[in-house]
Amino acid sequence: MHGMDILYLLIPLSLVLVFVIAALFWWSLKTGQYEDLEGPGHRILMDDDRSDVPETRNTIDPDQGATEEK
């Protein structure tokens, strides 16, 4: 009979776990987590990396070297 006593703990615990998982799934549906599944993948592929590079670059003129003016 001692082996069956654990069921009094495991069955309610599993029901609570199912309820928590269902509540999280319902929340994710209501907040729009599954609305655009393909968009982020397309944005990564179509991203223009040149927009991250600043227009002006700090380069050293080879004729002047790295001298500092005072």
PDB file of N, CA and C in Angstrom:
ATOM      1  N   MET A   1       0.812  -1.194   0.000  1.00  0.00           N
ATOM      2  CA  MET A   1       0.000   0.000   0.000  1.00  0.00           C
ATOM      3  C   MET A   1       0.861   1.268   0.000  1.00  0.00           C
ATOM      4  N   HIS A   2       2.135   1.157   0.405  1.00  0.00           N
ATOM      5  CA  HIS A   2       2.991   2.336   0.465  1.00  0.00           C
ATOM      6  C   HIS A   2       3.333   2.860  -0.923  1.00  0.00           C
ATOM      7  N   GLY A   3       3.355   2.012  -1.924  1.00  0.00           N
ATOM      8  CA  GLY A   3       3.656   2.443  -3.283  1.00  0.00           C
ATOM      9  C   GLY A   3       2.552   3.297  -3.879  1.00  0.00           C
ATOM     10  N   MET A   4       1.342   3.121  -3.445  1.00  0.00           N
ATOM     11  CA  MET A   4       0.215   3.885  -3.968  1.00  0.00           C
ATOM     12  C   MET A   4       0.100   5.265  -3.315  1.00  0.00           C
ATOM     13  N   ASP A   5       0.737   5.468  -2.171  1.00  0.00           N
ATOM     14  CA  ASP A   5       0.634   6.748  -1.473  1.00  0.00           C
ATOM     15  C   ASP A   5       1.267   7.889  -2.268  1.00  0.00           C
ATOM     16  N   ILE A   6       2.255   7.587  -3.054  1.00  0.00           N
ATOM     17  CA  ILE A   6       2.925   8.624  -3.846  1.00  0.00           C
ATOM     18  C   ILE A   6       1.991   9.199  -4.902  1.00  0.00           C
ATOM     19  N   LEU A   7       0.989   8.416  -5.323  1.00  0.00           N
ATOM     20  CA  LEU A   7       0.029   8.907  -6.313  1.00  0.00           C
ATOM     21  C   LEU A   7      -0.784  10.081  -5.780  1.00  0.00           C
ATOM     22  N   TYR A   8      -1.011  10.129  -4.467  1.00  0.00           N
ATOM     23  CA  TYR A   8      -1.740  11.256  -3.876  1.00  0.00           C
ATOM     24  C   TYR A   8      -0.962  12.560  -4.023  1.00  0.00           C
ATOM     25  N   LEU A   9       0.326  12.489  -4.223  1.00  0.00           N
ATOM     26  CA  LEU A   9       1.146  13.676  -4.471  1.00  0.00           C
ATOM     27  C   LEU A   9       1.345  13.913  -5.968  1.00  0.00           C
ATOM     28  N   LEU A  10       1.612  12.850  -6.714  1.00  0.00           N
ATOM     29  CA  LEU A  10       1.968  13.008  -8.121  1.00  0.00           C
ATOM     30  C   LEU A  10       0.795  13.418  -9.005  1.00  0.00           C
ATOM     31  N   ILE A  11      -0.401  12.903  -8.752  1.00  0.00           N
ATOM     32  CA  ILE A  11      -1.548  13.249  -9.598  1.00  0.00           C
ATOM     33  C   ILE A  11      -1.918  14.728  -9.455  1.00  0.00           C
ATOM     34  N   PRO A  12      -2.094  15.270  -8.251  1.00  0.00           N
ATOM     35  CA  PRO A  12      -2.369  16.712  -8.157  1.00  0.00           C
ATOM     36  C   PRO A  12      -1.224  17.575  -8.683  1.00  0.00           C
ATOM     37  N   LEU A  13       0.008  17.150  -8.453  1.00  0.00           N
ATOM     38  CA  LEU A  13       1.157  17.896  -8.951  1.00  0.00           C
ATOM     39  C   LEU A  13       1.167  17.925 -10.479  1.00  0.00           C
ATOM     40  N   SER A  14       0.847  16.816 -11.109  1.00  0.00           N
ATOM     41  CA  SER A  14       0.810  16.795 -12.572  1.00  0.00           C
ATOM     42  C   SER A  14      -0.347  17.638 -13.102  1.00  0.00           C
ATOM     43  N   LEU A  15      -1.476  17.667 -12.405  1.00  0.00           N
ATOM     44  CA  LEU A  15      -2.591  18.511 -12.834  1.00  0.00           C
ATOM     45  C   LEU A  15      -2.237  19.994 -12.724  1.00  0.00           C
ATOM     46  N   VAL A  16      -1.523  20.366 -11.679  1.00  0.00           N
ATOM     47  CA  VAL A  16      -1.078  21.755 -11.540  1.00  0.00           C
ATOM     48  C   VAL A  16      -0.101  22.104 -12.656  1.00  0.00           C
ATOM     49  N   LEU A  17       0.803  21.206 -12.966  1.00  0.00           N
ATOM     50  CA  LEU A  17       1.772  21.439 -14.037  1.00  0.00           C
ATOM     51  C   LEU A  17       1.081  21.589 -15.386  1.00  0.00           C
ATOM     52  N   VAL A  18       0.085  20.766 -15.664  1.00  0.00           N
ATOM     53  CA  VAL A  18      -0.676  20.881 -16.911  1.00  0.00           C
ATOM     54  C   VAL A  18      -1.392  22.226 -16.964  1.00  0.00           C
ATOM     55  N   PHE A  19      -1.966  22.667 -15.852  1.00  0.00           N
ATOM     56  CA  PHE A  19      -2.650  23.951 -15.811  1.00  0.00           C
ATOM     57  C   PHE A  19      -1.680  25.099 -16.070  1.00  0.00           C
ATOM     58  N   VAL A  20      -0.496  25.054 -15.484  1.00  0.00           N
ATOM     59  CA  VAL A  20       0.503  26.108 -15.685  1.00  0.00           C
ATOM     60  C   VAL A  20       0.953  26.154 -17.139  1.00  0.00           C
ATOM     61  N   ILE A  21       1.202  25.001 -17.734  1.00  0.00           N
ATOM     62  CA  ILE A  21       1.626  24.953 -19.134  1.00  0.00           C
ATOM     63  C   ILE A  21       0.520  25.470 -20.040  1.00  0.00           C
ATOM     64  N   ALA A  22      -0.729  25.094 -19.776  1.00  0.00           N
ATOM     65  CA  ALA A  22      -1.854  25.576 -20.581  1.00  0.00           C
ATOM     66  C   ALA A  22      -2.023  27.079 -20.431  1.00  0.00           C
ATOM     67  N   ALA A  23      -1.833  27.609 -19.229  1.00  0.00           N
ATOM     68  CA  ALA A  23      -1.956  29.046 -19.015  1.00  0.00           C
ATOM     69  C   ALA A  23      -0.858  29.810 -19.751  1.00  0.00           C
ATOM     70  N   LEU A  24       0.357  29.293 -19.729  1.00  0.00           N
ATOM     71  CA  LEU A  24       1.449  29.942 -20.469  1.00  0.00           C
ATOM     72  C   LEU A  24       1.215  29.888 -21.972  1.00  0.00           C
ATOM     73  N   PHE A  25       0.699  28.782 -22.462  1.00  0.00           N
ATOM     74  CA  PHE A  25       0.398  28.672 -23.888  1.00  0.00           C
ATOM     75  C   PHE A  25      -0.715  29.637 -24.276  1.00  0.00           C
ATOM     76  N   TRP A  26      -1.763  29.761 -23.445  1.00  0.00           N
ATOM     77  CA  TRP A  26      -2.853  30.689 -23.707  1.00  0.00           C
ATOM     78  C   TRP A  26      -2.342  32.128 -23.714  1.00  0.00           C
ATOM     79  N   TRP A  27      -1.459  32.463 -22.752  1.00  0.00           N
ATOM     80  CA  TRP A  27      -0.880  33.801 -22.709  1.00  0.00           C
ATOM     81  C   TRP A  27      -0.082  34.089 -23.980  1.00  0.00           C
ATOM     82  N   SER A  28       0.687  33.117 -24.447  1.00  0.00           N
ATOM     83  CA  SER A  28       1.494  33.331 -25.647  1.00  0.00           C
ATOM     84  C   SER A  28       0.623  33.518 -26.877  1.00  0.00           C
ATOM     85  N   LEU A  29      -0.512  32.847 -26.929  1.00  0.00           N
ATOM     86  CA  LEU A  29      -1.429  33.048 -28.053  1.00  0.00           C
ATOM     87  C   LEU A  29      -2.057  34.435 -28.001  1.00  0.00           C
ATOM     88  N   LYS A  30      -2.467  34.865 -26.819  1.00  0.00           N
ATOM     89  CA  LYS A  30      -3.147  36.155 -26.674  1.00  0.00           C
ATOM     90  C   LYS A  30      -2.213  37.339 -26.881  1.00  0.00           C
ATOM     91  N   THR A  31      -0.932  37.191 -26.610  1.00  0.00           N
ATOM     92  CA  THR A  31       0.007  38.303 -26.768  1.00  0.00           C
ATOM     93  C   THR A  31       0.653  38.330 -28.148  1.00  0.00           C
ATOM     94  N   GLY A  32       0.268  37.418 -29.034  1.00  0.00           N
ATOM     95  CA  GLY A  32       0.754  37.470 -30.412  1.00  0.00           C
ATOM     96  C   GLY A  32       2.136  36.897 -30.620  1.00  0.00           C
ATOM     97  N   GLN A  33       2.539  35.954 -29.804  1.00  0.00           N
ATOM     98  CA  GLN A  33       3.867  35.379 -29.940  1.00  0.00           C
ATOM     99  C   GLN A  33       4.020  34.550 -31.218  1.00  0.00           C
ATOM    100  N   TYR A  34       2.916  34.056 -31.768  1.00  0.00           N
ATOM    101  CA  TYR A  34       2.982  33.186 -32.944  1.00  0.00           C
ATOM    102  C   TYR A  34       2.468  33.872 -34.196  1.00  0.00           C
ATOM    103  N   GLU A  35       2.351  35.199 -34.196  1.00  0.00           N
ATOM    104  CA  GLU A  35       1.757  35.896 -35.333  1.00  0.00           C
ATOM    105  C   GLU A  35       2.664  35.912 -36.550  1.00  0.00           C
ATOM    106  N   ASP A  36       3.949  36.177 -36.369  1.00  0.00           N
ATOM    107  CA  ASP A  36       4.860  36.284 -37.505  1.00  0.00           C
ATOM    108  C   ASP A  36       6.044  35.356 -37.268  1.00  0.00           C
ATOM    109  N   LEU A  37       5.902  34.124 -37.700  1.00  0.00           N
ATOM    110  CA  LEU A  37       6.967  33.150 -37.465  1.00  0.00           C
ATOM    111  C   LEU A  37       8.076  33.239 -38.509  1.00  0.00           C
ATOM    112  N   GLU A  38       7.761  33.711 -39.715  1.00  0.00           N
ATOM    113  CA  GLU A  38       8.760  33.744 -40.782  1.00  0.00           C
ATOM    114  C   GLU A  38       9.453  35.088 -40.915  1.00  0.00           C
ATOM    115  N   GLY A  39       8.890  36.139 -40.375  1.00  0.00           N
ATOM    116  CA  GLY A  39       9.432  37.486 -40.522  1.00  0.00           C
ATOM    117  C   GLY A  39      10.848  37.653 -40.019  1.00  0.00           C
ATOM    118  N   PRO A  40      11.168  37.221 -38.794  1.00  0.00           N
ATOM    119  CA  PRO A  40      12.544  37.401 -38.318  1.00  0.00           C
ATOM    120  C   PRO A  40      13.580  36.674 -39.177  1.00  0.00           C
ATOM    121  N   GLY A  41      13.234  35.521 -39.691  1.00  0.00           N
ATOM    122  CA  GLY A  41      14.167  34.803 -40.562  1.00  0.00           C
ATOM    123  C   GLY A  41      14.419  35.539 -41.866  1.00  0.00           C
ATOM    124  N   HIS A  42      13.367  36.134 -42.424  1.00  0.00           N
ATOM    125  CA  HIS A  42      13.529  36.905 -43.659  1.00  0.00           C
ATOM    126  C   HIS A  42      14.296  38.198 -43.395  1.00  0.00           C
ATOM    127  N   ARG A  43      14.075  38.829 -42.244  1.00  0.00           N
ATOM    128  CA  ARG A  43      14.791  40.069 -41.934  1.00  0.00           C
ATOM    129  C   ARG A  43      16.284  39.818 -41.772  1.00  0.00           C
ATOM    130  N   ILE A  44      16.652  38.672 -41.225  1.00  0.00           N
ATOM    131  CA  ILE A  44      18.079  38.358 -41.093  1.00  0.00           C
ATOM    132  C   ILE A  44      18.710  38.179 -42.465  1.00  0.00           C
ATOM    133  N   LEU A  45      18.016  37.485 -43.358  1.00  0.00           N
ATOM    134  CA  LEU A  45      18.575  37.228 -44.689  1.00  0.00           C
ATOM    135  C   LEU A  45      18.621  38.487 -45.546  1.00  0.00           C
ATOM    136  N   MET A  46      17.650  39.364 -45.393  1.00  0.00           N
ATOM    137  CA  MET A  46      17.572  40.556 -46.233  1.00  0.00           C
ATOM    138  C   MET A  46      18.190  41.785 -45.569  1.00  0.00           C
ATOM    139  N   ASP A  47      18.879  41.621 -44.454  1.00  0.00           N
ATOM    140  CA  ASP A  47      19.470  42.741 -43.734  1.00  0.00           C
ATOM    141  C   ASP A  47      20.608  43.335 -44.544  1.00  0.00           C
ATOM    142  N   ASP A  48      20.624  44.664 -44.630  1.00  0.00           N
ATOM    143  CA  ASP A  48      21.695  45.356 -45.330  1.00  0.00           C
ATOM    144  C   ASP A  48      22.770  45.710 -44.313  1.00  0.00           C
ATOM    145  N   ASP A  49      23.885  44.992 -44.351  1.00  0.00           N
ATOM    146  CA  ASP A  49      24.936  45.197 -43.368  1.00  0.00           C
ATOM    147  C   ASP A  49      25.627  46.542 -43.518  1.00  0.00           C
ATOM    148  N   ARG A  50      25.519  47.160 -44.683  1.00  0.00           N
ATOM    149  CA  ARG A  50      26.174  48.440 -44.897  1.00  0.00           C
ATOM    150  C   ARG A  50      25.554  49.551 -44.067  1.00  0.00           C
ATOM    151  N   SER A  51      24.337  49.388 -43.591  1.00  0.00           N
ATOM    152  CA  SER A  51      23.702  50.430 -42.789  1.00  0.00           C
ATOM    153  C   SER A  51      24.328  50.530 -41.408  1.00  0.00           C
ATOM    154  N   ASP A  52      25.050  49.511 -40.963  1.00  0.00           N
ATOM    155  CA  ASP A  52      25.688  49.540 -39.653  1.00  0.00           C
ATOM    156  C   ASP A  52      27.042  50.248 -39.678  1.00  0.00           C
ATOM    157  N   VAL A  53      27.619  50.428 -40.854  1.00  0.00           N
ATOM    158  CA  VAL A  53      28.934  51.040 -40.978  1.00  0.00           C
ATOM    159  C   VAL A  53      28.766  52.555 -41.021  1.00  0.00           C
ATOM    160  N   PRO A  54      29.479  53.296 -40.181  1.00  0.00           N
ATOM    161  CA  PRO A  54      29.356  54.759 -40.227  1.00  0.00           C
ATOM    162  C   PRO A  54      29.872  55.309 -41.546  1.00  0.00           C
ATOM    163  N   GLU A  55      29.307  56.433 -41.951  1.00  0.00           N
ATOM    164  CA  GLU A  55      29.678  57.045 -43.234  1.00  0.00           C
ATOM    165  C   GLU A  55      31.124  57.542 -43.228  1.00  0.00           C
ATOM    166  N   THR A  56      31.558  58.155 -42.150  1.00  0.00           N
ATOM    167  CA  THR A  56      32.934  58.651 -42.077  1.00  0.00           C
ATOM    168  C   THR A  56      33.758  57.706 -41.224  1.00  0.00           C
ATOM    169  N   ARG A  57      34.897  57.374 -41.720  1.00  0.00           N
ATOM    170  CA  ARG A  57      35.799  56.484 -40.990  1.00  0.00           C
ATOM    171  C   ARG A  57      37.022  57.280 -40.550  1.00  0.00           C
ATOM    172  N   ASN A  58      37.494  56.960 -39.379  1.00  0.00           N
ATOM    173  CA  ASN A  58      38.726  57.573 -38.884  1.00  0.00           C
ATOM    174  C   ASN A  58      39.896  56.755 -39.412  1.00  0.00           C
ATOM    175  N   THR A  59      40.538  57.267 -40.437  1.00  0.00           N
ATOM    176  CA  THR A  59      41.683  56.568 -41.021  1.00  0.00           C
ATOM    177  C   THR A  59      42.926  57.426 -40.844  1.00  0.00           C
ATOM    178  N   ILE A  60      44.041  56.778 -40.849  1.00  0.00           N
ATOM    179  CA  ILE A  60      45.321  57.472 -40.719  1.00  0.00           C
ATOM    180  C   ILE A  60      45.873  57.701 -42.116  1.00  0.00           C
ATOM    181  N   ASP A  61      46.241  58.943 -42.382  1.00  0.00           N
ATOM    182  CA  ASP A  61      46.826  59.280 -43.674  1.00  0.00           C
ATOM    183  C   ASP A  61      48.239  58.690 -43.714  1.00  0.00           C
ATOM    184  N   PRO A  62      48.541  57.839 -44.697  1.00  0.00           N
ATOM    185  CA  PRO A  62      49.865  57.199 -44.710  1.00  0.00           C
ATOM    186  C   PRO A  62      51.014  58.194 -44.853  1.00  0.00           C
ATOM    187  N   ASP A  63      50.749  59.371 -45.443  1.00  0.00           N
ATOM    188  CA  ASP A  63      51.816  60.360 -45.606  1.00  0.00           C
ATOM    189  C   ASP A  63      52.130  61.073 -44.296  1.00  0.00           C
ATOM    190  N   GLN A  64      51.137  61.229 -43.409  1.00  0.00           N
ATOM    191  CA  GLN A  64      51.358  61.982 -42.178  1.00  0.00           C
ATOM    192  C   GLN A  64      51.613  61.093 -40.971  1.00  0.00           C
ATOM    193  N   GLY A  65      51.249  59.844 -41.012  1.00  0.00           N
ATOM    194  CA  GLY A  65      51.463  58.946 -39.895  1.00  0.00           C
ATOM    195  C   GLY A  65      50.445  59.217 -38.787  1.00  0.00           C
ATOM    196  N   ALA A  66      50.791  58.823 -37.607  1.00  0.00           N
ATOM    197  CA  ALA A  66      49.888  58.972 -36.484  1.00  0.00           C
ATOM    198  C   ALA A  66      50.365  60.069 -35.543  1.00  0.00           C
ATOM    199  N   THR A  67      50.785  61.187 -36.091  1.00  0.00           N
ATOM    200  CA  THR A  67      51.261  62.280 -35.239  1.00  0.00           C
ATOM    201  C   THR A  67      50.068  63.041 -34.670  1.00  0.00           C
ATOM    202  N   GLU A  68      50.288  63.595 -33.509  1.00  0.00           N
ATOM    203  CA  GLU A  68      49.232  64.315 -32.812  1.00  0.00           C
ATOM    204  C   GLU A  68      49.565  65.794 -32.804  1.00  0.00           C
ATOM    205  N   GLU A  69      48.593  66.641 -33.165  1.00  0.00           N
ATOM    206  CA  GLU A  69      48.830  68.074 -33.169  1.00  0.00           C
ATOM    207  C   GLU A  69      48.554  68.645 -31.793  1.00  0.00           C
ATOM    208  N   LYS A  70      49.437  69.624 -31.367  1.00  0.00           N
ATOM    209  CA  LYS A  70      49.243  70.257 -30.063  1.00  0.00           C
ATOM    210  C   LYS A  70      48.949  71.715 -30.233  1.00  0.00           C
TER     211      LYS A  70
END
